[in-house]
């Protein structure tokens, strides 16, 4: 789902990704990070497993990149946050 140029940029040693400025958890990261990893390491309709779902950033990235996902989270608070985030997320990529 990525171009040859995007792939070549992805396998270089340094990625340029803007920081997360709307933190929902203590360990937040920008959505660009999982999107880049998902695009490099999987194909459309693949299954991505996130063992530490947190606020659901990886799950949202999966929706953006047309991947299925399973996430695990032991915190009820973060389960609510991630479910709300997923339910309110509109996919912007075509």
PDB file of N, CA and C in Angstrom:
ATOM      1  N   UNK A   1       0.810  -1.212   0.000  1.00  0.00           N
ATOM      2  CA  UNK A   1       0.000   0.000   0.000  1.00  0.00           C
ATOM      3  C   UNK A   1       0.843   1.262   0.000  1.00  0.00           C
ATOM      4  N   UNK A   2       2.163   1.105  -0.165  1.00  0.00           N
ATOM      5  CA  UNK A   2       3.025   2.279  -0.237  1.00  0.00           C
ATOM      6  C   UNK A   2       3.840   2.227  -1.523  1.00  0.00           C
ATOM      7  N   UNK A   3       4.327   3.377  -1.907  1.00  0.00           N
ATOM      8  CA  UNK A   3       5.137   3.451  -3.124  1.00  0.00           C
ATOM      9  C   UNK A   3       6.554   2.952  -2.850  1.00  0.00           C
ATOM     10  N   UNK A   4       7.291   2.715  -3.912  1.00  0.00           N
ATOM     11  CA  UNK A   4       8.683   2.304  -3.761  1.00  0.00           C
ATOM     12  C   UNK A   4       9.474   3.384  -3.021  1.00  0.00           C
ATOM     13  N   UNK A   5       9.208   4.647  -3.351  1.00  0.00           N
ATOM     14  CA  UNK A   5       9.897   5.760  -2.695  1.00  0.00           C
ATOM     15  C   UNK A   5       9.591   5.769  -1.191  1.00  0.00           C
ATOM     16  N   UNK A   6       8.313   5.582  -0.820  1.00  0.00           N
ATOM     17  CA  UNK A   6       7.936   5.548   0.597  1.00  0.00           C
ATOM     18  C   UNK A   6       8.608   4.373   1.311  1.00  0.00           C
ATOM     19  N   UNK A   7       8.688   3.234   0.625  1.00  0.00           N
ATOM     20  CA  UNK A   7       9.358   2.081   1.210  1.00  0.00           C
ATOM     21  C   UNK A   7      10.833   2.377   1.447  1.00  0.00           C
ATOM     22  N   UNK A   8      11.488   2.931   0.454  1.00  0.00           N
ATOM     23  CA  UNK A   8      12.918   3.236   0.577  1.00  0.00           C
ATOM     24  C   UNK A   8      13.168   4.245   1.702  1.00  0.00           C
ATOM     25  N   UNK A   9      12.295   5.237   1.845  1.00  0.00           N
ATOM     26  CA  UNK A   9      12.427   6.201   2.942  1.00  0.00           C
ATOM     27  C   UNK A   9      12.205   5.510   4.287  1.00  0.00           C
ATOM     28  N   UNK A  10      11.291   4.542   4.315  1.00  0.00           N
ATOM     29  CA  UNK A  10      10.968   3.838   5.549  1.00  0.00           C
ATOM     30  C   UNK A  10      12.065   2.926   6.056  1.00  0.00           C
ATOM     31  N   UNK A  11      12.883   2.410   5.162  1.00  0.00           N
ATOM     32  CA  UNK A  11      13.934   1.489   5.591  1.00  0.00           C
ATOM     33  C   UNK A  11      15.262   2.206   5.859  1.00  0.00           C
ATOM     34  N   UNK A  12      15.277   3.514   5.728  1.00  0.00           N
ATOM     35  CA  UNK A  12      16.459   4.296   6.104  1.00  0.00           C
ATOM     36  C   UNK A  12      16.557   4.337   7.623  1.00  0.00           C
ATOM     37  N   UNK A  13      17.658   4.807   8.132  1.00  0.00           N
ATOM     38  CA  UNK A  13      17.898   4.806   9.573  1.00  0.00           C
ATOM     39  C   UNK A  13      17.143   5.850  10.379  1.00  0.00           C
ATOM     40  N   UNK A  14      16.655   6.920   9.750  1.00  0.00           N
ATOM     41  CA  UNK A  14      16.010   8.002  10.503  1.00  0.00           C
ATOM     42  C   UNK A  14      14.650   8.318   9.888  1.00  0.00           C
ATOM     43  N   UNK A  15      13.618   8.388  10.740  1.00  0.00           N
ATOM     44  CA  UNK A  15      12.280   8.771  10.298  1.00  0.00           C
ATOM     45  C   UNK A  15      11.978  10.164  10.818  1.00  0.00           C
ATOM     46  N   UNK A  16      11.305  10.966  10.016  1.00  0.00           N
ATOM     47  CA  UNK A  16      10.875  12.295  10.446  1.00  0.00           C
ATOM     48  C   UNK A  16       9.385  12.242  10.731  1.00  0.00           C
ATOM     49  N   UNK A  17       9.035  12.264  12.021  1.00  0.00           N
ATOM     50  CA  UNK A  17       7.643  12.163  12.453  1.00  0.00           C
ATOM     51  C   UNK A  17       7.394  13.265  13.467  1.00  0.00           C
ATOM     52  N   UNK A  18       6.325  14.011  13.275  1.00  0.00           N
ATOM     53  CA  UNK A  18       5.981  15.077  14.214  1.00  0.00           C
ATOM     54  C   UNK A  18       5.580  14.491  15.560  1.00  0.00           C
ATOM     55  N   UNK A  19       5.909  15.164  16.672  1.00  0.00           N
ATOM     56  CA  UNK A  19       5.563  14.648  18.001  1.00  0.00           C
ATOM     57  C   UNK A  19       4.067  14.720  18.278  1.00  0.00           C
ATOM     58  N   UNK A  20       3.622  13.916  19.234  1.00  0.00           N
ATOM     59  CA  UNK A  20       2.230  13.929  19.675  1.00  0.00           C
ATOM     60  C   UNK A  20       2.045  15.107  20.626  1.00  0.00           C
ATOM     61  N   UNK A  21       1.110  15.988  20.307  1.00  0.00           N
ATOM     62  CA  UNK A  21       0.865  17.145  21.175  1.00  0.00           C
ATOM     63  C   UNK A  21      -0.482  17.057  21.893  1.00  0.00           C
ATOM     64  N   UNK A  22      -1.224  15.981  21.652  1.00  0.00           N
ATOM     65  CA  UNK A  22      -2.537  15.793  22.291  1.00  0.00           C
ATOM     66  C   UNK A  22      -2.533  14.491  23.080  1.00  0.00           C
ATOM     67  N   UNK A  23      -1.664  14.395  24.047  1.00  0.00           N
ATOM     68  CA  UNK A  23      -1.446  13.165  24.796  1.00  0.00           C
ATOM     69  C   UNK A  23      -2.712  12.693  25.506  1.00  0.00           C
ATOM     70  N   UNK A  24      -3.040  11.418  25.326  1.00  0.00           N
ATOM     71  CA  UNK A  24      -4.171  10.802  26.015  1.00  0.00           C
ATOM     72  C   UNK A  24      -3.695   9.821  27.088  1.00  0.00           C
ATOM     73  N   UNK A  25      -2.424   9.432  27.032  1.00  0.00           N
ATOM     74  CA  UNK A  25      -1.854   8.523  28.021  1.00  0.00           C
ATOM     75  C   UNK A  25      -0.446   8.998  28.368  1.00  0.00           C
ATOM     76  N   UNK A  26       0.160   8.349  29.356  1.00  0.00           N
ATOM     77  CA  UNK A  26       1.523   8.695  29.753  1.00  0.00           C
ATOM     78  C   UNK A  26       2.551   8.234  28.725  1.00  0.00           C
ATOM     79  N   UNK A  27       2.196   7.255  27.922  1.00  0.00           N
ATOM     80  CA  UNK A  27       3.130   6.698  26.940  1.00  0.00           C
ATOM     81  C   UNK A  27       2.627   6.941  25.518  1.00  0.00           C
ATOM     82  N   UNK A  28       2.178   8.147  25.249  1.00  0.00           N
ATOM     83  CA  UNK A  28       1.601   8.429  23.933  1.00  0.00           C
ATOM     84  C   UNK A  28       2.680   8.618  22.869  1.00  0.00           C
ATOM     85  N   UNK A  29       2.277   8.408  21.636  1.00  0.00           N
ATOM     86  CA  UNK A  29       3.162   8.592  20.493  1.00  0.00           C
ATOM     87  C   UNK A  29       2.300   9.057  19.326  1.00  0.00           C
ATOM     88  N   UNK A  30       2.905   9.738  18.362  1.00  0.00           N
ATOM     89  CA  UNK A  30       2.129  10.262  17.231  1.00  0.00           C
ATOM     90  C   UNK A  30       1.630   9.145  16.329  1.00  0.00           C
ATOM     91  N   UNK A  31       0.475   9.347  15.718  1.00  0.00           N
ATOM     92  CA  UNK A  31      -0.126   8.333  14.859  1.00  0.00           C
ATOM     93  C   UNK A  31       0.759   8.016  13.654  1.00  0.00           C
ATOM     94  N   UNK A  32       1.620   8.941  13.271  1.00  0.00           N
ATOM     95  CA  UNK A  32       2.525   8.692  12.153  1.00  0.00           C
ATOM     96  C   UNK A  32       3.458   7.515  12.379  1.00  0.00           C
ATOM     97  N   UNK A  33       3.807   7.254  13.640  1.00  0.00           N
ATOM     98  CA  UNK A  33       4.711   6.144  13.951  1.00  0.00           C
ATOM     99  C   UNK A  33       4.084   4.786  13.635  1.00  0.00           C
ATOM    100  N   UNK A  34       2.892   4.455  14.182  1.00  0.00           N
ATOM    101  CA  UNK A  34       2.317   3.157  13.809  1.00  0.00           C
ATOM    102  C   UNK A  34       1.902   3.080  12.347  1.00  0.00           C
ATOM    103  N   UNK A  35       1.494   4.200  11.750  1.00  0.00           N
ATOM    104  CA  UNK A  35       1.134   4.166  10.324  1.00  0.00           C
ATOM    105  C   UNK A  35       2.351   3.758   9.499  1.00  0.00           C
ATOM    106  N   UNK A  36       3.505   4.345   9.792  1.00  0.00           N
ATOM    107  CA  UNK A  36       4.719   4.004   9.048  1.00  0.00           C
ATOM    108  C   UNK A  36       5.089   2.533   9.252  1.00  0.00           C
ATOM    109  N   UNK A  37       5.029   2.061  10.492  1.00  0.00           N
ATOM    110  CA  UNK A  37       5.366   0.659  10.784  1.00  0.00           C
ATOM    111  C   UNK A  37       4.379  -0.304  10.120  1.00  0.00           C
ATOM    112  N   UNK A  38       3.099   0.006  10.214  1.00  0.00           N
ATOM    113  CA  UNK A  38       2.065  -0.851   9.625  1.00  0.00           C
ATOM    114  C   UNK A  38       2.232  -0.920   8.113  1.00  0.00           C
ATOM    115  N   UNK A  39       2.481   0.224   7.478  1.00  0.00           N
ATOM    116  CA  UNK A  39       2.673   0.230   6.025  1.00  0.00           C
ATOM    117  C   UNK A  39       3.910  -0.549   5.602  1.00  0.00           C
ATOM    118  N   UNK A  40       4.975  -0.472   6.390  1.00  0.00           N
ATOM    119  CA  UNK A  40       6.211  -1.166   6.041  1.00  0.00           C
ATOM    120  C   UNK A  40       6.144  -2.669   6.286  1.00  0.00           C
ATOM    121  N   UNK A  41       5.405  -3.081   7.306  1.00  0.00           N
ATOM    122  CA  UNK A  41       5.481  -4.468   7.764  1.00  0.00           C
ATOM    123  C   UNK A  41       4.231  -5.308   7.526  1.00  0.00           C
ATOM    124  N   UNK A  42       3.236  -4.752   6.845  1.00  0.00           N
ATOM    125  CA  UNK A  42       2.021  -5.538   6.601  1.00  0.00           C
ATOM    126  C   UNK A  42       1.372  -5.111   5.290  1.00  0.00           C
ATOM    127  N   UNK A  43       0.366  -5.884   4.898  1.00  0.00           N
ATOM    128  CA  UNK A  43      -0.393  -5.595   3.685  1.00  0.00           C
ATOM    129  C   UNK A  43      -1.824  -5.242   4.061  1.00  0.00           C
ATOM    130  N   UNK A  44      -2.527  -4.599   3.136  1.00  0.00           N
ATOM    131  CA  UNK A  44      -3.937  -4.266   3.340  1.00  0.00           C
ATOM    132  C   UNK A  44      -4.705  -5.525   3.752  1.00  0.00           C
ATOM    133  N   UNK A  45      -5.587  -5.388   4.717  1.00  0.00           N
ATOM    134  CA  UNK A  45      -6.436  -6.458   5.270  1.00  0.00           C
ATOM    135  C   UNK A  45      -5.684  -7.433   6.178  1.00  0.00           C
ATOM    136  N   UNK A  46      -4.393  -7.203   6.444  1.00  0.00           N
ATOM    137  CA  UNK A  46      -3.678  -8.030   7.423  1.00  0.00           C
ATOM    138  C   UNK A  46      -4.200  -7.726   8.829  1.00  0.00           C
ATOM    139  N   UNK A  47      -3.824  -8.589   9.755  1.00  0.00           N
ATOM    140  CA  UNK A  47      -4.207  -8.422  11.158  1.00  0.00           C
ATOM    141  C   UNK A  47      -3.005  -7.905  11.948  1.00  0.00           C
ATOM    142  N   UNK A  48      -3.209  -6.811  12.680  1.00  0.00           N
ATOM    143  CA  UNK A  48      -2.183  -6.224  13.535  1.00  0.00           C
ATOM    144  C   UNK A  48      -2.599  -6.452  14.981  1.00  0.00           C
ATOM    145  N   UNK A  49      -1.678  -6.933  15.806  1.00  0.00           N
ATOM    146  CA  UNK A  49      -1.959  -7.184  17.220  1.00  0.00           C
ATOM    147  C   UNK A  49      -1.193  -6.170  18.061  1.00  0.00           C
ATOM    148  N   UNK A  50      -1.910  -5.477  18.943  1.00  0.00           N
ATOM    149  CA  UNK A  50      -1.301  -4.508  19.849  1.00  0.00           C
ATOM    150  C   UNK A  50      -1.519  -4.999  21.277  1.00  0.00           C
ATOM    151  N   UNK A  51      -0.475  -5.532  21.919  1.00  0.00           N
ATOM    152  CA  UNK A  51      -0.648  -6.082  23.269  1.00  0.00           C
ATOM    153  C   UNK A  51      -0.781  -5.023  24.357  1.00  0.00           C
ATOM    154  N   UNK A  52      -0.541  -3.758  24.032  1.00  0.00           N
ATOM    155  CA  UNK A  52      -0.676  -2.664  24.996  1.00  0.00           C
ATOM    156  C   UNK A  52      -1.458  -1.535  24.327  1.00  0.00           C
ATOM    157  N   UNK A  53      -2.757  -1.698  24.207  1.00  0.00           N
ATOM    158  CA  UNK A  53      -3.606  -0.816  23.393  1.00  0.00           C
ATOM    159  C   UNK A  53      -3.598   0.636  23.854  1.00  0.00           C
ATOM    160  N   UNK A  54      -3.580   0.886  25.140  1.00  0.00           N
ATOM    161  CA  UNK A  54      -3.573   2.268  25.629  1.00  0.00           C
ATOM    162  C   UNK A  54      -4.748   3.053  25.096  1.00  0.00           C
ATOM    163  N   UNK A  55      -4.479   4.216  24.505  1.00  0.00           N
ATOM    164  CA  UNK A  55      -5.553   5.076  24.006  1.00  0.00           C
ATOM    165  C   UNK A  55      -5.995   4.709  22.590  1.00  0.00           C
ATOM    166  N   UNK A  56      -5.411   3.664  22.017  1.00  0.00           N
ATOM    167  CA  UNK A  56      -5.875   3.161  20.729  1.00  0.00           C
ATOM    168  C   UNK A  56      -5.224   3.767  19.504  1.00  0.00           C
ATOM    169  N   UNK A  57      -4.056   4.386  19.656  1.00  0.00           N
ATOM    170  CA  UNK A  57      -3.394   5.010  18.511  1.00  0.00           C
ATOM    171  C   UNK A  57      -3.106   3.994  17.407  1.00  0.00           C
ATOM    172  N   UNK A  58      -2.622   2.818  17.767  1.00  0.00           N
ATOM    173  CA  UNK A  58      -2.325   1.802  16.755  1.00  0.00           C
ATOM    174  C   UNK A  58      -3.608   1.311  16.091  1.00  0.00           C
ATOM    175  N   UNK A  59      -4.679   1.183  16.853  1.00  0.00           N
ATOM    176  CA  UNK A  59      -5.965   0.756  16.277  1.00  0.00           C
ATOM    177  C   UNK A  59      -6.474   1.788  15.271  1.00  0.00           C
ATOM    178  N   UNK A  60      -6.355   3.062  15.603  1.00  0.00           N
ATOM    179  CA  UNK A  60      -6.754   4.121  14.672  1.00  0.00           C
ATOM    180  C   UNK A  60      -5.880   4.072  13.419  1.00  0.00           C
ATOM    181  N   UNK A  61      -4.585   3.838  13.603  1.00  0.00           N
ATOM    182  CA  UNK A  61      -3.680   3.710  12.460  1.00  0.00           C
ATOM    183  C   UNK A  61      -4.093   2.538  11.570  1.00  0.00           C
ATOM    184  N   UNK A  62      -4.550   1.460  12.179  1.00  0.00           N
ATOM    185  CA  UNK A  62      -5.020   0.308  11.398  1.00  0.00           C
ATOM    186  C   UNK A  62      -6.245   0.682  10.568  1.00  0.00           C
ATOM    187  N   UNK A  63      -7.165   1.436  11.153  1.00  0.00           N
ATOM    188  CA  UNK A  63      -8.331   1.883  10.387  1.00  0.00           C
ATOM    189  C   UNK A  63      -7.896   2.760   9.217  1.00  0.00           C
ATOM    190  N   UNK A  64      -6.920   3.633   9.460  1.00  0.00           N
ATOM    191  CA  UNK A  64      -6.422   4.532   8.407  1.00  0.00           C
ATOM    192  C   UNK A  64      -5.753   3.762   7.268  1.00  0.00           C
ATOM    193  N   UNK A  65      -5.102   2.660   7.592  1.00  0.00           N
ATOM    194  CA  UNK A  65      -4.343   1.905   6.589  1.00  0.00           C
ATOM    195  C   UNK A  65      -5.053   0.637   6.119  1.00  0.00           C
ATOM    196  N   UNK A  66      -6.307   0.498   6.488  1.00  0.00           N
ATOM    197  CA  UNK A  66      -7.142  -0.641   6.060  1.00  0.00           C
ATOM    198  C   UNK A  66      -6.589  -1.987   6.520  1.00  0.00           C
ATOM    199  N   UNK A  67      -6.224  -2.043   7.801  1.00  0.00           N
ATOM    200  CA  UNK A  67      -5.809  -3.292   8.431  1.00  0.00           C
ATOM    201  C   UNK A  67      -6.803  -3.628   9.534  1.00  0.00           C
ATOM    202  N   UNK A  68      -6.963  -4.926   9.818  1.00  0.00           N
ATOM    203  CA  UNK A  68      -7.739  -5.362  10.969  1.00  0.00           C
ATOM    204  C   UNK A  68      -6.825  -5.300  12.184  1.00  0.00           C
ATOM    205  N   UNK A  69      -7.406  -5.260  13.371  1.00  0.00           N
ATOM    206  CA  UNK A  69      -6.574  -5.176  14.566  1.00  0.00           C
ATOM    207  C   UNK A  69      -7.235  -5.868  15.747  1.00  0.00           C
ATOM    208  N   UNK A  70      -6.395  -6.304  16.652  1.00  0.00           N
ATOM    209  CA  UNK A  70      -6.811  -6.805  17.961  1.00  0.00           C
ATOM    210  C   UNK A  70      -5.931  -6.079  18.963  1.00  0.00           C
ATOM    211  N   UNK A  71      -6.555  -5.530  19.998  1.00  0.00           N
ATOM    212  CA  UNK A  71      -5.784  -4.832  21.019  1.00  0.00           C
ATOM    213  C   UNK A  71      -6.141  -5.347  22.402  1.00  0.00           C
ATOM    214  N   UNK A  72      -5.165  -5.354  23.279  1.00  0.00           N
ATOM    215  CA  UNK A  72      -5.352  -5.793  24.661  1.00  0.00           C
ATOM    216  C   UNK A  72      -5.033  -4.637  25.595  1.00  0.00           C
ATOM    217  N   UNK A  73      -5.874  -4.456  26.601  1.00  0.00           N
ATOM    218  CA  UNK A  73      -5.647  -3.400  27.574  1.00  0.00           C
ATOM    219  C   UNK A  73      -6.281  -3.813  28.895  1.00  0.00           C
ATOM    220  N   UNK A  74      -5.540  -3.703  30.000  1.00  0.00           N
ATOM    221  CA  UNK A  74      -6.078  -4.090  31.304  1.00  0.00           C
ATOM    222  C   UNK A  74      -6.722  -2.921  32.037  1.00  0.00           C
ATOM    223  N   UNK A  75      -6.448  -1.701  31.602  1.00  0.00           N
ATOM    224  CA  UNK A  75      -7.018  -0.526  32.257  1.00  0.00           C
ATOM    225  C   UNK A  75      -8.405  -0.230  31.690  1.00  0.00           C
ATOM    226  N   UNK A  76      -9.412  -0.254  32.538  1.00  0.00           N
ATOM    227  CA  UNK A  76     -10.771   0.060  32.097  1.00  0.00           C
ATOM    228  C   UNK A  76     -10.834   1.485  31.553  1.00  0.00           C
ATOM    229  N   UNK A  77     -10.099   2.391  32.198  1.00  0.00           N
ATOM    230  CA  UNK A  77     -10.067   3.797  31.768  1.00  0.00           C
ATOM    231  C   UNK A  77      -9.574   3.900  30.318  1.00  0.00           C
ATOM    232  N   UNK A  78      -8.480   3.216  30.001  1.00  0.00           N
ATOM    233  CA  UNK A  78      -7.939   3.281  28.642  1.00  0.00           C
ATOM    234  C   UNK A  78      -8.800   2.527  27.648  1.00  0.00           C
ATOM    235  N   UNK A  79      -9.498   1.482  28.088  1.00  0.00           N
ATOM    236  CA  UNK A  79     -10.448   0.788  27.199  1.00  0.00           C
ATOM    237  C   UNK A  79     -11.550   1.748  26.765  1.00  0.00           C
ATOM    238  N   UNK A  80     -12.048   2.521  27.707  1.00  0.00           N
ATOM    239  CA  UNK A  80     -13.094   3.503  27.393  1.00  0.00           C
ATOM    240  C   UNK A  80     -12.556   4.567  26.445  1.00  0.00           C
ATOM    241  N   UNK A  81     -11.350   5.065  26.730  1.00  0.00           N
ATOM    242  CA  UNK A  81     -10.735   6.077  25.860  1.00  0.00           C
ATOM    243  C   UNK A  81     -10.559   5.542  24.448  1.00  0.00           C
ATOM    244  N   UNK A  82     -10.006   4.339  24.320  1.00  0.00           N
ATOM    245  CA  UNK A  82      -9.755   3.793  22.975  1.00  0.00           C
ATOM    246  C   UNK A  82     -11.058   3.486  22.242  1.00  0.00           C
ATOM    247  N   UNK A  83     -12.055   2.953  22.945  1.00  0.00           N
ATOM    248  CA  UNK A  83     -13.345   2.687  22.291  1.00  0.00           C
ATOM    249  C   UNK A  83     -13.996   3.976  21.801  1.00  0.00           C
ATOM    250  N   UNK A  84     -13.979   5.010  22.638  1.00  0.00           N
ATOM    251  CA  UNK A  84     -14.540   6.299  22.215  1.00  0.00           C
ATOM    252  C   UNK A  84     -13.783   6.860  21.022  1.00  0.00           C
ATOM    253  N   UNK A  85     -12.472   6.758  21.075  1.00  0.00           N
ATOM    254  CA  UNK A  85     -11.645   7.267  19.982  1.00  0.00           C
ATOM    255  C   UNK A  85     -11.947   6.533  18.678  1.00  0.00           C
ATOM    256  N   UNK A  86     -12.062   5.213  18.742  1.00  0.00           N
ATOM    257  CA  UNK A  86     -12.358   4.434  17.535  1.00  0.00           C
ATOM    258  C   UNK A  86     -13.764   4.702  17.011  1.00  0.00           C
ATOM    259  N   UNK A  87     -14.716   4.811  17.912  1.00  0.00           N
ATOM    260  CA  UNK A  87     -16.090   5.056  17.499  1.00  0.00           C
ATOM    261  C   UNK A  87     -16.271   6.434  16.849  1.00  0.00           C
ATOM    262  N   UNK A  88     -15.453   7.406  17.251  1.00  0.00           N
ATOM    263  CA  UNK A  88     -15.571   8.766  16.722  1.00  0.00           C
ATOM    264  C   UNK A  88     -14.600   9.055  15.592  1.00  0.00           C
ATOM    265  N   UNK A  89     -13.756   8.102  15.234  1.00  0.00           N
ATOM    266  CA  UNK A  89     -12.733   8.333  14.214  1.00  0.00           C
ATOM    267  C   UNK A  89     -13.314   8.194  12.803  1.00  0.00           C
ATOM    268  N   UNK A  90     -13.015   9.172  11.988  1.00  0.00           N
ATOM    269  CA  UNK A  90     -13.368   9.102  10.574  1.00  0.00           C
ATOM    270  C   UNK A  90     -12.078   8.881   9.791  1.00  0.00           C
ATOM    271  N   UNK A  91     -12.085   7.931   8.888  1.00  0.00           N
ATOM    272  CA  UNK A  91     -10.899   7.629   8.095  1.00  0.00           C
ATOM    273  C   UNK A  91     -10.711   8.725   7.055  1.00  0.00           C
ATOM    274  N   UNK A  92      -9.505   9.275   6.995  1.00  0.00           N
ATOM    275  CA  UNK A  92      -9.230  10.372   6.069  1.00  0.00           C
ATOM    276  C   UNK A  92      -8.495   9.929   4.828  1.00  0.00           C
ATOM    277  N   UNK A  93      -7.820   8.779   4.880  1.00  0.00           N
ATOM    278  CA  UNK A  93      -7.115   8.296   3.691  1.00  0.00           C
ATOM    279  C   UNK A  93      -8.075   7.573   2.762  1.00  0.00           C
ATOM    280  N   UNK A  94      -7.774   7.603   1.503  1.00  0.00           N
ATOM    281  CA  UNK A  94      -8.621   6.914   0.517  1.00  0.00           C
ATOM    282  C   UNK A  94      -8.073   5.540   0.252  1.00  0.00           C
TER     283      UNK A  94
END
